[in-house]
């Protein structure tokens, strides 16, 4: 009996060890794959799933497979909170890949903070992680509004722009961009001479742009996400405005090109480098990573990746990198993300810190234009 018992115990222990080795490490996703922001969330989910597939193809993390559990939030703030609670309380996730939109990211901050679980948000507003001492568990993967605006306004300064006008969406992303422009325009020698806003359901921005035209600005900025950007650009052309037109980094999207059509030609967009990989210098630290990502994404999905795919791809990979270093421990993962330095991603080269939960470095941004319906380097 003793020998049989010992043998049984050994077999049970071996079985348990095997089962434990086969258990997946779960990361939660809050990517909106339907609703008004599906054009952001679906590419995000595609990028995230590609990252998981690649990690698992290389043996996972310490012999364990990675699993992404995504709940579609539909871009709705209330549904985002419900989904976040469900993932954090019921799904045993060790980290979160946050929503693509700023509004939903703001909505779930308290839930994530209370759960003491790291989230890398894909929203573009700085306020999502500010102040970092009060939002210890929240990080960003996209380029931020201040980062891309610095590139945008540097280009304006080179062009001799003094007076600018702003049309923004009445959304957290739009108002955050407005606030940062108001704060920083003077440091580039510029004055905002007109400001107009539009609602997410507006189908015509002609009245706002007519008022902007009367201010006779040297350049115009449209700061928004979603289909409204394309409507604004079309209305801009219809009114015959000729001043340089700048859009936010949310416009570096194939869906925008499709909706705007020929009206998009010659606009200027601060962006990640994802659409101009072949134009990068060989010494660019992101070129190899970007080339591999674009190739693998195209092979898997049969189409080139949008910038949003790169955001979520980076978020998954950075959480996975933290797990490799410290194991699937929620607290240690947070600390490991904050400790990442010079991490070369698709969207940016990232270096986080206790006072910097943005991560992305300024030299990760390029200025794009549109030529014949395609993105190209502006300079």
Protein backbone atom coordinates (compact mmCIF):
# COMPACT_ATOMS: atom_id res chain seq x y z
CA UNK A 1 0.00 0.00 0.00
CA UNK A 2 2.83 2.32 0.87
CA UNK A 3 4.55 1.77 -2.48
CA UNK A 4 1.26 2.15 -4.34
CA UNK A 5 0.44 5.29 -2.37
CA UNK A 6 3.85 6.78 -3.08
CA UNK A 7 3.56 5.93 -6.77
CA UNK A 8 0.08 7.42 -6.92
CA UNK A 9 1.32 10.55 -5.20
CA UNK A 10 4.15 10.88 -7.69
CA UNK A 11 1.81 10.40 -10.62
CA UNK A 12 -0.61 12.96 -9.18
CA UNK A 13 2.19 15.45 -8.61
CA UNK A 14 3.44 14.95 -12.15
CA UNK A 15 -0.05 15.40 -13.53
CA UNK A 16 -0.52 18.58 -11.50
CA UNK A 17 2.84 19.94 -12.67
CA UNK A 18 1.90 19.20 -16.28
CA UNK A 19 -1.49 20.84 -15.87
CA UNK A 20 0.08 23.88 -14.25
CA UNK A 21 2.60 24.17 -17.07
CA UNK A 22 -0.26 24.05 -19.56
CA UNK A 23 -2.31 26.75 -17.82
CA UNK A 24 -2.44 29.90 -19.86
CA UNK A 25 -1.38 33.30 -18.62
CA UNK A 26 -4.31 35.60 -19.31
CA UNK A 27 -4.24 39.21 -20.43
CA UNK A 28 -7.52 41.10 -20.63
CA UNK A 29 -8.52 43.20 -23.63
CA UNK A 30 -11.07 46.03 -23.83
CA UNK A 31 -10.93 46.64 -27.57
CA UNK A 32 -14.06 47.94 -29.26
CA UNK A 33 -14.79 45.71 -32.26
CA UNK A 34 -18.25 47.09 -33.03
CA UNK A 35 -19.88 50.48 -32.71
CA UNK A 36 -18.63 53.86 -33.91
CA UNK A 37 -14.99 53.15 -33.03
CA UNK A 38 -14.71 49.67 -34.50
CA UNK A 39 -12.33 51.04 -37.14
CA UNK A 40 -9.89 51.59 -34.28
CA UNK A 41 -10.69 48.61 -32.07
CA UNK A 42 -10.76 45.84 -34.69
CA UNK A 43 -7.26 46.60 -36.01
CA UNK A 44 -6.19 46.85 -32.37
CA UNK A 45 -7.53 43.39 -31.63
CA UNK A 46 -5.91 42.03 -34.79
CA UNK A 47 -2.55 43.44 -33.69
CA UNK A 48 -2.95 42.11 -30.16
CA UNK A 49 -3.84 38.62 -31.40
CA UNK A 50 -0.83 38.61 -33.74
CA UNK A 51 1.42 39.41 -30.77
CA UNK A 52 -0.08 36.55 -28.75
CA UNK A 53 0.29 34.14 -31.67
CA UNK A 54 3.94 35.06 -32.17
CA UNK A 55 4.74 34.73 -28.47
CA UNK A 56 3.10 31.32 -28.27
CA UNK A 57 4.82 30.13 -31.44
CA UNK A 58 8.12 30.72 -29.64
CA UNK A 59 7.09 28.60 -26.66
CA UNK A 60 5.06 31.12 -24.72
CA UNK A 61 6.44 32.54 -21.47
CA UNK A 62 8.36 30.09 -19.28
CA UNK A 63 6.58 27.24 -21.05
CA UNK A 64 3.09 28.68 -20.56
CA UNK A 65 0.90 29.93 -23.36
CA UNK A 66 -0.38 33.50 -23.38
CA UNK A 67 -4.12 34.06 -23.81
CA UNK A 68 -5.92 37.30 -24.65
CA UNK A 69 -9.46 37.53 -23.30
CA UNK A 70 -11.08 40.44 -25.14
CA UNK A 71 -14.47 41.89 -24.27
CA UNK A 72 -16.00 44.19 -26.87
CA UNK A 73 -16.88 47.48 -25.16
CA UNK A 74 -18.53 48.95 -28.30
CA UNK A 75 -16.81 52.22 -27.42
CA UNK A 76 -19.39 52.77 -24.67
CA UNK A 77 -18.15 54.05 -21.31
CA UNK A 78 -20.68 52.15 -19.18
CA UNK A 79 -20.02 48.91 -21.03
CA UNK A 80 -16.30 49.51 -20.66
CA UNK A 81 -16.62 49.70 -16.87
CA UNK A 82 -18.73 46.52 -16.79
CA UNK A 83 -16.25 44.69 -19.02
CA UNK A 84 -13.26 45.85 -16.97
CA UNK A 85 -14.87 44.64 -13.74
CA UNK A 86 -15.71 41.30 -15.31
CA UNK A 87 -12.17 40.75 -16.54
CA UNK A 88 -10.54 41.84 -13.30
CA UNK A 89 -12.86 39.96 -10.97
CA UNK A 90 -13.69 36.81 -12.92
CA UNK A 91 -11.09 36.11 -15.60
CA UNK A 92 -7.88 35.97 -13.56
CA UNK A 93 -6.06 38.34 -15.91
CA UNK A 94 -2.64 39.67 -14.91
CA UNK A 95 -2.78 42.84 -17.02
CA UNK A 96 -5.05 44.77 -19.37
CA UNK A 97 -4.79 46.10 -22.91
CA UNK A 98 -7.03 49.15 -22.64
CA UNK A 99 -9.53 50.74 -25.00
CA UNK A 100 -8.60 52.57 -28.17
CA UNK A 101 -10.60 55.62 -27.19
CA UNK A 102 -9.78 58.14 -24.47
CA UNK A 103 -13.32 58.41 -23.10
CA UNK A 104 -13.58 54.72 -22.21
CA UNK A 105 -10.05 54.77 -20.83
CA UNK A 106 -10.97 57.59 -18.46
CA UNK A 107 -14.13 55.76 -17.45
CA UNK A 108 -12.33 52.64 -16.19
CA UNK A 109 -9.38 54.24 -14.40
CA UNK A 110 -10.88 53.91 -10.92
CA UNK A 111 -11.87 50.29 -11.56
CA UNK A 112 -8.37 49.39 -12.71
CA UNK A 113 -6.72 51.28 -9.87
CA UNK A 114 -8.83 49.50 -7.24
CA UNK A 115 -7.94 46.14 -8.78
CA UNK A 116 -4.19 46.92 -8.56
CA UNK A 117 -3.65 45.61 -12.08
CA UNK A 118 -1.57 47.29 -14.77
CA UNK A 119 -3.34 48.58 -17.86
CA UNK A 120 -1.68 49.84 -21.02
CA UNK A 121 -4.33 52.08 -22.58
CA UNK A 122 -4.56 52.78 -26.29
CA UNK A 123 -6.22 56.17 -25.81
CA UNK A 124 -4.29 59.21 -26.98
CA UNK A 125 -5.03 61.70 -24.19
CA UNK A 126 -2.30 62.59 -21.69
CA UNK A 127 -4.84 62.94 -18.91
CA UNK A 128 -5.37 59.18 -18.87
CA UNK A 129 -2.08 58.80 -16.99
CA UNK A 130 -1.74 62.19 -15.32
CA UNK A 131 -0.70 62.69 -12.64
CA UNK A 132 1.24 59.37 -12.59
CA UNK A 133 1.42 59.26 -8.80
CA UNK A 134 -2.40 59.14 -8.72
CA UNK A 135 -2.68 56.71 -11.64
CA UNK A 136 0.00 54.27 -10.64
CA UNK A 137 -1.43 51.34 -12.59
CA UNK A 138 -2.14 53.13 -15.89
CA UNK A 139 0.23 53.43 -18.87
CA UNK A 140 -0.12 54.52 -22.51
CA UNK A 141 1.10 52.89 -25.72
CA UNK A 142 0.03 55.40 -28.43
CA UNK A 143 1.73 58.64 -29.31
CA UNK A 144 0.30 61.37 -27.07
CA UNK A 145 -1.30 64.63 -28.12
CA UNK A 146 1.53 66.79 -26.75
CA UNK A 147 4.18 64.63 -28.43
CA UNK A 148 2.62 64.81 -31.89
CA UNK A 149 1.65 68.46 -31.51
CA UNK A 150 5.28 69.37 -30.88
CA UNK A 151 6.17 67.85 -34.26
CA UNK A 152 3.18 69.52 -35.91
CA UNK A 153 3.95 72.97 -34.52
CA UNK A 154 7.65 72.67 -35.30
CA UNK A 155 6.63 72.18 -38.94
CA UNK A 156 4.30 75.18 -38.74
CA UNK A 157 7.09 77.31 -37.34
CA UNK A 158 9.32 76.35 -40.27
CA UNK A 159 6.53 77.45 -42.62
CA UNK A 160 6.26 80.82 -40.87
CA UNK A 161 2.80 80.15 -39.40
CA UNK A 162 1.79 82.72 -36.79
CA UNK A 163 -1.99 82.44 -36.56
CA UNK A 164 -3.76 79.08 -36.32
CA UNK A 165 -7.38 78.01 -36.13
CA UNK A 166 -8.72 74.88 -34.47
CA UNK A 167 -11.72 72.66 -35.18
CA UNK A 168 -12.06 69.86 -32.64
CA UNK A 169 -14.50 67.14 -31.73
CA UNK A 170 -16.50 67.60 -28.54
CA UNK A 171 -14.99 64.44 -27.03
CA UNK A 172 -12.31 63.68 -24.42
CA UNK A 173 -9.74 63.23 -27.18
CA UNK A 174 -10.78 66.45 -28.91
CA UNK A 175 -10.89 68.60 -25.80
CA UNK A 176 -7.59 67.21 -24.53
CA UNK A 177 -5.97 68.17 -27.81
CA UNK A 178 -7.54 71.63 -27.59
CA UNK A 179 -6.27 72.14 -24.05
CA UNK A 180 -2.72 71.17 -24.97
CA UNK A 181 -2.71 73.43 -28.04
CA UNK A 182 -3.93 76.35 -25.93
CA UNK A 183 -1.18 75.64 -23.43
CA UNK A 184 1.71 75.22 -25.88
CA UNK A 185 0.98 77.33 -28.98
CA UNK A 186 2.64 80.46 -27.59
CA UNK A 187 5.92 78.63 -27.00
CA UNK A 188 6.09 78.09 -30.78
CA UNK A 189 5.30 81.76 -31.45
CA UNK A 190 1.70 81.07 -32.49
CA UNK A 191 -1.70 82.48 -31.60
CA UNK A 192 -4.97 80.56 -31.83
CA UNK A 193 -7.24 83.05 -33.61
CA UNK A 194 -10.36 80.87 -33.90
CA UNK A 195 -11.77 77.80 -32.18
CA UNK A 196 -14.79 75.73 -33.16
CA UNK A 197 -16.17 72.39 -31.94
CA UNK A 198 -18.48 69.78 -33.44
CA UNK A 199 -20.50 66.90 -32.04
CA UNK A 200 -19.74 63.27 -32.80
CA UNK A 201 -23.00 62.94 -34.70
CA UNK A 202 -22.57 66.08 -36.81
CA UNK A 203 -22.70 65.43 -40.55
CA UNK A 204 -21.64 68.88 -41.75
CA UNK A 205 -18.94 71.18 -40.35
CA UNK A 206 -19.47 73.94 -42.91
CA UNK A 207 -20.81 76.48 -40.36
CA UNK A 208 -17.78 76.04 -38.09
CA UNK A 209 -15.31 76.16 -40.97
CA UNK A 210 -16.99 79.27 -42.40
CA UNK A 211 -16.29 81.04 -39.12
CA UNK A 212 -12.72 79.77 -39.20
CA UNK A 213 -12.30 81.09 -42.76
CA UNK A 214 -13.34 84.56 -41.63
CA UNK A 215 -10.43 84.58 -39.14
CA UNK A 216 -7.99 84.18 -42.06
CA UNK A 217 -5.56 81.80 -40.25
CA UNK A 218 -2.15 80.81 -41.60
CA UNK A 219 -2.96 77.14 -40.86
CA UNK A 220 -5.92 75.09 -39.64
CA UNK A 221 -5.91 72.10 -37.27
CA UNK A 222 -8.63 69.45 -37.09
CA UNK A 223 -8.36 67.45 -33.85
CA UNK A 224 -10.73 64.50 -33.71
CA UNK A 225 -11.23 60.78 -34.22
CA UNK A 226 -13.64 58.76 -36.32
CA UNK A 227 -15.63 59.69 -39.45
CA UNK A 228 -15.97 63.37 -38.47
CA UNK A 229 -12.39 63.97 -39.57
CA UNK A 230 -13.21 63.05 -43.15
CA UNK A 231 -16.35 65.20 -43.17
CA UNK A 232 -14.33 68.18 -41.91
CA UNK A 233 -11.67 67.72 -44.60
CA UNK A 234 -14.27 67.47 -47.37
CA UNK A 235 -16.06 70.60 -46.11
CA UNK A 236 -12.70 72.38 -45.92
CA UNK A 237 -12.04 71.70 -49.59
CA UNK A 238 -15.60 72.59 -50.58
CA UNK A 239 -15.23 76.01 -48.96
CA UNK A 240 -12.06 76.64 -50.92
CA UNK A 241 -9.78 77.12 -47.91
CA UNK A 242 -6.15 76.97 -48.96
CA UNK A 243 -4.17 77.33 -45.72
CA UNK A 244 -2.16 74.21 -44.73
CA UNK A 245 -4.45 71.69 -43.04
CA UNK A 246 -3.14 69.58 -40.15
CA UNK A 247 -4.95 66.64 -38.58
CA UNK A 248 -4.28 64.72 -35.39
CA UNK A 249 -2.51 61.37 -35.36
CA UNK A 250 -5.94 59.70 -35.30
CA UNK A 251 -6.16 60.43 -39.04
CA UNK A 252 -3.27 58.10 -39.89
CA UNK A 253 -5.84 55.45 -40.69
CA UNK A 254 -6.86 53.72 -43.92
CA UNK A 255 -10.51 54.22 -43.02
CA UNK A 256 -9.95 57.98 -42.99
CA UNK A 257 -8.34 57.82 -46.43
CA UNK A 258 -11.29 55.84 -47.75
CA UNK A 259 -13.86 58.27 -46.35
CA UNK A 260 -12.02 61.47 -47.29
CA UNK A 261 -11.05 60.38 -50.79
CA UNK A 262 -9.25 62.98 -52.88
CA UNK A 263 -9.94 65.69 -50.30
CA UNK A 264 -7.21 64.16 -48.12
CA UNK A 265 -4.39 64.90 -50.56
CA UNK A 266 -1.77 67.30 -49.16
CA UNK A 267 -3.04 67.26 -45.57
CA UNK A 268 -0.38 66.96 -42.86
CA UNK A 269 -0.48 64.37 -40.07
CA UNK A 270 1.99 63.68 -37.25
CA UNK A 271 2.24 59.90 -37.05
CA UNK A 272 4.11 56.80 -36.09
CA UNK A 273 6.36 55.37 -38.80
CA UNK A 274 4.18 52.38 -39.64
CA UNK A 275 3.11 53.61 -43.10
CA UNK A 276 6.55 54.68 -44.30
CA UNK A 277 8.74 51.77 -43.21
CA UNK A 278 10.44 51.50 -46.60
CA UNK A 279 11.39 55.19 -46.49
CA UNK A 280 13.19 54.93 -43.14
CA UNK A 281 16.96 55.08 -42.92
CA UNK A 282 18.70 51.77 -42.27
CA UNK A 283 19.97 53.09 -38.94
CA UNK A 284 16.48 53.81 -37.61
CA UNK A 285 16.06 51.64 -34.48
CA UNK A 286 12.45 50.81 -35.38
CA UNK A 287 12.95 49.82 -39.01
CA UNK A 288 13.58 46.09 -38.46
CA UNK A 289 10.73 45.74 -35.95
CA UNK A 290 8.35 47.63 -38.23
CA UNK A 291 9.34 45.65 -41.31
CA UNK A 292 8.71 42.34 -39.55
CA UNK A 293 5.40 43.51 -38.13
CA UNK A 294 4.08 44.83 -41.43
CA UNK A 295 5.13 41.62 -43.22
CA UNK A 296 3.60 39.30 -40.60
CA UNK A 297 0.39 41.29 -40.28
CA UNK A 298 -0.08 41.35 -44.05
CA UNK A 299 0.51 37.59 -44.21
CA UNK A 300 -2.02 36.87 -41.45
CA UNK A 301 -4.81 39.28 -42.35
CA UNK A 302 -4.29 39.92 -46.06
CA UNK A 303 -4.05 43.70 -45.65
CA UNK A 304 -1.53 46.23 -44.34
CA UNK A 305 -1.77 47.19 -40.65
CA UNK A 306 -3.32 50.42 -39.42
CA UNK A 307 -1.52 52.38 -36.74
CA UNK A 308 -4.03 51.15 -34.14
CA UNK A 309 -2.89 47.58 -34.77
CA UNK A 310 0.61 48.63 -33.81
CA UNK A 311 -0.59 50.26 -30.59
CA UNK A 312 -2.20 47.10 -29.23
CA UNK A 313 0.59 44.89 -30.59
CA UNK A 314 3.05 46.95 -28.56
CA UNK A 315 0.82 46.86 -25.47
CA UNK A 316 0.64 43.04 -25.48
CA UNK A 317 4.36 42.68 -26.10
CA UNK A 318 5.29 45.08 -23.31
CA UNK A 319 3.05 43.27 -20.82
CA UNK A 320 4.58 39.98 -22.00
CA UNK A 321 8.09 41.41 -21.56
CA UNK A 322 7.19 42.36 -17.99
CA UNK A 323 5.87 38.83 -17.32
CA UNK A 324 9.11 37.32 -18.65
CA UNK A 325 11.06 39.38 -16.15
CA UNK A 326 8.92 38.94 -13.02
CA UNK A 327 6.34 36.20 -13.67
CA UNK A 328 2.52 36.49 -13.69
CA UNK A 329 2.33 38.66 -10.57
CA UNK A 330 0.10 41.73 -10.96
CA UNK A 331 2.10 44.05 -8.72
CA UNK A 332 5.48 43.03 -10.09
CA UNK A 333 4.21 43.36 -13.67
CA UNK A 334 3.27 46.98 -13.00
CA UNK A 335 6.73 47.69 -11.63
CA UNK A 336 8.39 45.94 -14.58
CA UNK A 337 6.41 47.99 -17.13
CA UNK A 338 7.39 51.18 -15.35
CA UNK A 339 11.00 50.01 -15.52
CA UNK A 340 11.07 49.39 -19.29
CA UNK A 341 13.80 51.42 -20.99
CA UNK A 342 14.49 51.85 -24.71
CA UNK A 343 11.96 49.16 -25.62
CA UNK A 344 11.72 49.19 -29.42
CA UNK A 345 8.11 48.81 -30.49
CA UNK A 346 6.08 49.31 -33.64
CA UNK A 347 4.53 52.60 -32.56
CA UNK A 348 7.51 54.01 -30.70
CA UNK A 349 10.65 53.44 -28.74
CA UNK A 350 9.42 53.39 -25.15
CA UNK A 351 11.05 54.38 -21.89
CA UNK A 352 8.71 54.57 -18.90
CA UNK A 353 9.44 55.81 -15.40
CA UNK A 354 7.77 56.79 -12.15
CA UNK A 355 7.08 60.27 -13.56
CA UNK A 356 6.50 59.18 -17.16
CA UNK A 357 3.72 56.72 -17.99
CA UNK A 358 3.62 57.92 -21.62
CA UNK A 359 6.74 56.03 -22.65
CA UNK A 360 6.93 57.02 -26.32
CA UNK A 361 9.98 59.06 -27.31
CA UNK A 362 9.78 62.14 -29.54
CA UNK A 363 11.97 60.72 -32.32
CA UNK A 364 9.33 58.04 -32.88
CA UNK A 365 7.12 60.64 -34.62
CA UNK A 366 7.25 61.61 -38.29
CA UNK A 367 5.14 64.05 -40.28
CA UNK A 368 3.10 62.46 -43.05
CA UNK A 369 1.16 63.83 -45.97
CA UNK A 370 -1.23 62.15 -48.42
CA UNK A 371 -0.40 61.78 -52.11
CA UNK A 372 -2.82 60.10 -54.51
CA UNK A 373 -4.65 58.46 -51.63
CA UNK A 374 -1.52 57.08 -49.93
CA UNK A 375 0.51 58.13 -46.91
CA UNK A 376 3.99 59.50 -47.57
CA UNK A 377 6.67 61.35 -45.63
CA UNK A 378 6.01 65.09 -45.75
CA UNK A 379 9.71 65.92 -45.88
